[in-house]
PDB file of all heavy atoms in Angstrom:
ATOM      1  N   ASP A   1      61.763  44.940 209.756  1.00  0.00           N
ATOM      2  CA  ASP A   1      60.561  45.704 209.428  1.00  0.00           C
ATOM      3  C   ASP A   1      59.493  45.519 210.498  1.00  0.00           C
ATOM      4  O   ASP A   1      58.831  46.493 210.913  1.00  0.00           O
ATOM      5  CB  ASP A   1      60.004  45.266 208.070  1.00  0.00           C
ATOM      6  CG  ASP A   1      60.875  45.697 206.901  1.00  0.00           C
ATOM      7  OD1 ASP A   1      61.644  46.668 207.069  1.00  0.00           O
ATOM      8  OD2 ASP A   1      60.788  45.064 205.836  1.00  0.00           O
ATOM      9  N   ALA A   2      59.313  44.277 210.949  1.00  0.00           N
ATOM     10  CA  ALA A   2      58.325  44.011 211.997  1.00  0.00           C
ATOM     11  C   ALA A   2      58.711  44.708 213.298  1.00  0.00           C
ATOM     12  O   ALA A   2      57.853  45.241 214.018  1.00  0.00           O
ATOM     13  CB  ALA A   2      58.184  42.507 212.217  1.00  0.00           C
ATOM     14  N   LEU A   3      60.001  44.715 213.600  1.00  0.00           N
ATOM     15  CA  LEU A   3      60.462  45.371 214.821  1.00  0.00           C
ATOM     16  C   LEU A   3      60.257  46.878 214.737  1.00  0.00           C
ATOM     17  O   LEU A   3      59.804  47.509 215.703  1.00  0.00           O
ATOM     18  CB  LEU A   3      61.937  45.046 215.045  1.00  0.00           C
ATOM     19  CG  LEU A   3      62.563  45.530 216.348  1.00  0.00           C
ATOM     20  CD1 LEU A   3      61.858  44.911 217.556  1.00  0.00           C
ATOM     21  CD2 LEU A   3      64.050  45.198 216.376  1.00  0.00           C
ATOM     22  N   ARG A   4      60.576  47.456 213.578  1.00  0.00           N
ATOM     23  CA  ARG A   4      60.364  48.901 213.388  1.00  0.00           C
ATOM     24  C   ARG A   4      58.888  49.254 213.564  1.00  0.00           C
ATOM     25  O   ARG A   4      58.541  50.205 214.279  1.00  0.00           O
ATOM     26  CB  ARG A   4      60.857  49.321 212.005  1.00  0.00           C
ATOM     27  CG  ARG A   4      60.657  50.807 211.716  1.00  0.00           C
ATOM     28  CD  ARG A   4      61.051  51.148 210.288  1.00  0.00           C
ATOM     29  NE  ARG A   4      62.458  50.931 210.049  1.00  0.00           N
ATOM     30  CZ  ARG A   4      62.955  49.958 209.302  1.00  0.00           C
ATOM     31  NH1 ARG A   4      62.137  49.059 208.745  1.00  0.00           N
ATOM     32  NH2 ARG A   4      64.248  49.836 209.117  1.00  0.00           N
ATOM     33  N   THR A   5      58.029  48.490 212.910  1.00  0.00           N
ATOM     34  CA  THR A   5      56.590  48.744 213.016  1.00  0.00           C
ATOM     35  C   THR A   5      56.118  48.594 214.455  1.00  0.00           C
ATOM     36  O   THR A   5      55.286  49.389 214.932  1.00  0.00           O
ATOM     37  CB  THR A   5      55.829  47.772 212.102  1.00  0.00           C
ATOM     38  OG1 THR A   5      56.228  47.988 210.745  1.00  0.00           O
ATOM     39  CG2 THR A   5      54.325  47.963 212.223  1.00  0.00           C
ATOM     40  N   SER A   6      56.641  47.607 215.169  1.00  0.00           N
ATOM     41  CA  SER A   6      56.239  47.376 216.559  1.00  0.00           C
ATOM     42  C   SER A   6      56.631  48.544 217.449  1.00  0.00           C
ATOM     43  O   SER A   6      55.833  49.010 218.279  1.00  0.00           O
ATOM     44  CB  SER A   6      56.874  46.081 217.073  1.00  0.00           C
ATOM     45  OG  SER A   6      56.378  44.963 216.380  1.00  0.00           O
ATOM     46  N   TYR A   7      57.855  49.035 217.304  1.00  0.00           N
ATOM     47  CA  TYR A   7      58.277  50.153 218.144  1.00  0.00           C
ATOM     48  C   TYR A   7      57.592  51.455 217.758  1.00  0.00           C
ATOM     49  O   TYR A   7      57.330  52.307 218.624  1.00  0.00           O
ATOM     50  CB  TYR A   7      59.805  50.289 218.143  1.00  0.00           C
ATOM     51  CG  TYR A   7      60.423  49.483 219.258  1.00  0.00           C
ATOM     52  CD1 TYR A   7      60.991  48.235 219.012  1.00  0.00           C
ATOM     53  CD2 TYR A   7      60.392  49.940 220.574  1.00  0.00           C
ATOM     54  CE1 TYR A   7      61.531  47.472 220.043  1.00  0.00           C
ATOM     55  CE2 TYR A   7      60.928  49.192 221.603  1.00  0.00           C
ATOM     56  CZ  TYR A   7      61.497  47.956 221.337  1.00  0.00           C
ATOM     57  OH  TYR A   7      62.023  47.212 222.362  1.00  0.00           O
ATOM     58  N   ASP A   8      57.277  51.624 216.473  1.00  0.00           N
ATOM     59  CA  ASP A   8      56.453  52.773 216.106  1.00  0.00           C
ATOM     60  C   ASP A   8      55.092  52.686 216.796  1.00  0.00           C
ATOM     61  O   ASP A   8      54.536  53.690 217.258  1.00  0.00           O
ATOM     62  CB  ASP A   8      56.256  52.812 214.586  1.00  0.00           C
ATOM     63  CG  ASP A   8      57.454  53.371 213.832  1.00  0.00           C
ATOM     64  OD1 ASP A   8      58.354  53.957 214.476  1.00  0.00           O
ATOM     65  OD2 ASP A   8      57.482  53.227 212.594  1.00  0.00           O
ATOM     66  N   ARG A   9      54.563  51.479 216.876  1.00  0.00           N
ATOM     67  CA  ARG A   9      53.241  51.281 217.471  1.00  0.00           C
ATOM     68  C   ARG A   9      53.242  51.589 218.974  1.00  0.00           C
ATOM     69  O   ARG A   9      52.280  52.160 219.499  1.00  0.00           O
ATOM     70  CB  ARG A   9      52.771  49.833 217.228  1.00  0.00           C
ATOM     71  CG  ARG A   9      51.362  49.540 217.721  1.00  0.00           C
ATOM     72  CD  ARG A   9      51.034  48.062 217.520  1.00  0.00           C
ATOM     73  NE  ARG A   9      50.995  47.700 216.118  1.00  0.00           N
ATOM     74  CZ  ARG A   9      49.911  47.809 215.344  1.00  0.00           C
ATOM     75  NH1 ARG A   9      48.776  48.278 215.847  1.00  0.00           N
ATOM     76  NH2 ARG A   9      49.958  47.450 214.085  1.00  0.00           N
ATOM     77  N   VAL A  10      54.308  51.213 219.677  1.00  0.00           N
ATOM     78  CA  VAL A  10      54.314  51.383 221.135  1.00  0.00           C
ATOM     79  C   VAL A  10      54.985  52.674 221.589  1.00  0.00           C
ATOM     80  O   VAL A  10      54.967  52.985 222.778  1.00  0.00           O
ATOM     81  CB  VAL A  10      55.028  50.196 221.837  1.00  0.00           C
ATOM     82  CG1 VAL A  10      54.402  48.866 221.452  1.00  0.00           C
ATOM     83  CG2 VAL A  10      56.527  50.197 221.571  1.00  0.00           C
ATOM     84  N   ALA A  11      55.550  53.443 220.665  1.00  0.00           N
ATOM     85  CA  ALA A  11      56.374  54.594 221.066  1.00  0.00           C
ATOM     86  C   ALA A  11      55.614  55.582 221.944  1.00  0.00           C
ATOM     87  O   ALA A  11      56.143  56.055 222.965  1.00  0.00           O
ATOM     88  CB  ALA A  11      56.928  55.291 219.827  1.00  0.00           C
ATOM     89  N   ASP A  12      54.385  55.923 221.581  1.00  0.00           N
ATOM     90  CA  ASP A  12      53.640  56.906 222.365  1.00  0.00           C
ATOM     91  C   ASP A  12      53.367  56.391 223.780  1.00  0.00           C
ATOM     92  O   ASP A  12      53.503  57.130 224.766  1.00  0.00           O
ATOM     93  CB  ASP A  12      52.317  57.249 221.682  1.00  0.00           C
ATOM     94  CG  ASP A  12      52.516  57.993 220.366  1.00  0.00           C
ATOM     95  OD1 ASP A  12      53.672  58.347 220.036  1.00  0.00           O
ATOM     96  OD2 ASP A  12      51.515  58.210 219.658  1.00  0.00           O
ATOM     97  N   ALA A  13      52.996  55.107 223.886  1.00  0.00           N
ATOM     98  CA  ALA A  13      52.747  54.525 225.208  1.00  0.00           C
ATOM     99  C   ALA A  13      54.043  54.453 226.007  1.00  0.00           C
ATOM    100  O   ALA A  13      54.051  54.725 227.220  1.00  0.00           O
ATOM    101  CB  ALA A  13      52.130  53.135 225.066  1.00  0.00           C
ATOM    102  N   TYR A  14      55.136  54.091 225.365  1.00  0.00           N
ATOM    103  CA  TYR A  14      56.448  54.006 226.021  1.00  0.00           C
ATOM    104  C   TYR A  14      56.804  55.350 226.648  1.00  0.00           C
ATOM    105  O   TYR A  14      57.215  55.426 227.815  1.00  0.00           O
ATOM    106  CB  TYR A  14      57.479  53.592 224.977  1.00  0.00           C
ATOM    107  CG  TYR A  14      58.878  53.341 225.483  1.00  0.00           C
ATOM    108  CD1 TYR A  14      59.331  52.039 225.700  1.00  0.00           C
ATOM    109  CD2 TYR A  14      59.766  54.384 225.721  1.00  0.00           C
ATOM    110  CE1 TYR A  14      60.624  51.793 226.145  1.00  0.00           C
ATOM    111  CE2 TYR A  14      61.052  54.146 226.168  1.00  0.00           C
ATOM    112  CZ  TYR A  14      61.476  52.858 226.376  1.00  0.00           C
ATOM    113  OH  TYR A  14      62.757  52.623 226.821  1.00  0.00           O
ATOM    114  N   VAL A  15      56.634  56.403 225.873  1.00  0.00           N
ATOM    115  CA  VAL A  15      56.947  57.741 226.388  1.00  0.00           C
ATOM    116  C   VAL A  15      55.966  58.141 227.482  1.00  0.00           C
ATOM    117  O   VAL A  15      56.351  58.694 228.525  1.00  0.00           O
ATOM    118  CB  VAL A  15      56.954  58.763 225.237  1.00  0.00           C
ATOM    119  CG1 VAL A  15      57.061  60.194 225.764  1.00  0.00           C
ATOM    120  CG2 VAL A  15      58.104  58.473 224.281  1.00  0.00           C
ATOM    121  N   GLY A  16      54.681  57.860 227.265  1.00  0.00           N
ATOM    122  CA  GLY A  16      53.678  58.226 228.263  1.00  0.00           C
ATOM    123  C   GLY A  16      53.882  57.529 229.594  1.00  0.00           C
ATOM    124  O   GLY A  16      53.598  58.106 230.654  1.00  0.00           O
ATOM    125  N   MET A  17      54.409  56.307 229.576  1.00  0.00           N
ATOM    126  CA  MET A  17      54.681  55.547 230.791  1.00  0.00           C
ATOM    127  C   MET A  17      56.032  55.883 231.408  1.00  0.00           C
ATOM    128  O   MET A  17      56.366  55.352 232.466  1.00  0.00           O
ATOM    129  CB  MET A  17      54.635  54.045 230.486  1.00  0.00           C
ATOM    130  CG  MET A  17      53.282  53.525 230.055  1.00  0.00           C
ATOM    131  SD  MET A  17      53.375  51.820 229.407  1.00  0.00           S
ATOM    132  CE  MET A  17      53.944  50.953 230.867  1.00  0.00           C
ATOM    133  N   ARG A  18      56.814  56.724 230.726  1.00  0.00           N
ATOM    134  CA  ARG A  18      58.169  57.056 231.174  1.00  0.00           C
ATOM    135  C   ARG A  18      59.017  55.789 231.324  1.00  0.00           C
ATOM    136  O   ARG A  18      59.841  55.659 232.233  1.00  0.00           O
ATOM    137  CB  ARG A  18      58.152  57.843 232.493  1.00  0.00           C
ATOM    138  CG  ARG A  18      57.425  59.182 232.388  1.00  0.00           C
ATOM    139  CD  ARG A  18      57.367  59.901 233.728  1.00  0.00           C
ATOM    140  NE  ARG A  18      58.701  60.204 234.234  1.00  0.00           N
ATOM    141  CZ  ARG A  18      59.385  61.308 233.928  1.00  0.00           C
ATOM    142  NH1 ARG A  18      58.866  62.202 233.100  1.00  0.00           N
ATOM    143  NH2 ARG A  18      60.577  61.514 234.451  1.00  0.00           N
ATOM    144  N   ALA A  19      58.797  54.854 230.390  1.00  0.00           N
ATOM    145  CA  ALA A  19      59.602  53.636 230.383  1.00  0.00           C
ATOM    146  C   ALA A  19      61.060  54.007 230.120  1.00  0.00           C
ATOM    147  O   ALA A  19      61.358  54.898 229.334  1.00  0.00           O
ATOM    148  CB  ALA A  19      59.096  52.682 229.311  1.00  0.00           C
ATOM    149  N   GLY A  20      61.951  53.319 230.778  1.00  0.00           N
ATOM    150  CA  GLY A  20      63.366  53.624 230.620  1.00  0.00           C
ATOM    151  C   GLY A  20      63.848  54.809 231.426  1.00  0.00           C
ATOM    152  O   GLY A  20      65.020  55.195 231.321  1.00  0.00           O
ATOM    153  N   ASP A  21      62.966  55.383 232.248  1.00  0.00           N
ATOM    154  CA  ASP A  21      63.367  56.532 233.071  1.00  0.00           C
ATOM    155  C   ASP A  21      64.449  56.122 234.072  1.00  0.00           C
ATOM    156  O   ASP A  21      64.370  55.052 234.683  1.00  0.00           O
ATOM    157  CB  ASP A  21      62.143  57.077 233.812  1.00  0.00           C
ATOM    158  CG  ASP A  21      62.467  58.303 234.628  1.00  0.00           C
ATOM    159  OD1 ASP A  21      62.735  59.354 234.036  1.00  0.00           O
ATOM    160  OD2 ASP A  21      62.470  58.192 235.873  1.00  0.00           O
ATOM    161  N   LEU A  22      65.452  56.963 234.206  1.00  0.00           N
ATOM    162  CA  LEU A  22      66.587  56.647 235.077  1.00  0.00           C
ATOM    163  C   LEU A  22      66.383  57.075 236.525  1.00  0.00           C
ATOM    164  O   LEU A  22      67.194  56.737 237.389  1.00  0.00           O
ATOM    165  CB  LEU A  22      67.851  57.332 234.542  1.00  0.00           C
ATOM    166  CG  LEU A  22      68.356  56.852 233.181  1.00  0.00           C
ATOM    167  CD1 LEU A  22      69.409  57.808 232.650  1.00  0.00           C
ATOM    168  CD2 LEU A  22      68.904  55.443 233.287  1.00  0.00           C
ATOM    169  N   GLY A  23      65.319  57.795 236.794  1.00  0.00           N
ATOM    170  CA  GLY A  23      65.163  58.397 238.108  1.00  0.00           C
ATOM    171  C   GLY A  23      65.127  57.427 239.261  1.00  0.00           C
ATOM    172  O   GLY A  23      65.564  57.739 240.368  1.00  0.00           O
ATOM    173  N   ARG A  24      64.648  56.206 239.010  1.00  0.00           N
ATOM    174  CA  ARG A  24      64.521  55.209 240.081  1.00  0.00           C
ATOM    175  C   ARG A  24      65.705  54.247 240.128  1.00  0.00           C
ATOM    176  O   ARG A  24      65.660  53.276 240.871  1.00  0.00           O
ATOM    177  CB  ARG A  24      63.222  54.419 239.880  1.00  0.00           C
ATOM    178  CG  ARG A  24      61.957  55.245 240.055  1.00  0.00           C
ATOM    179  CD  ARG A  24      60.745  54.455 239.648  1.00  0.00           C
ATOM    180  NE  ARG A  24      60.757  54.168 238.211  1.00  0.00           N
ATOM    181  CZ  ARG A  24      59.894  53.352 237.613  1.00  0.00           C
ATOM    182  NH1 ARG A  24      58.977  52.714 238.323  1.00  0.00           N
ATOM    183  NH2 ARG A  24      59.957  53.152 236.307  1.00  0.00           N
TER     184      ARG A  24
END
């Protein structure tokens, strides 16, 4: 539950930062 809440919390920033992008 804590992990789910944490990733919900950071999801928008994660996407905005293009974290996990394969291009590099």
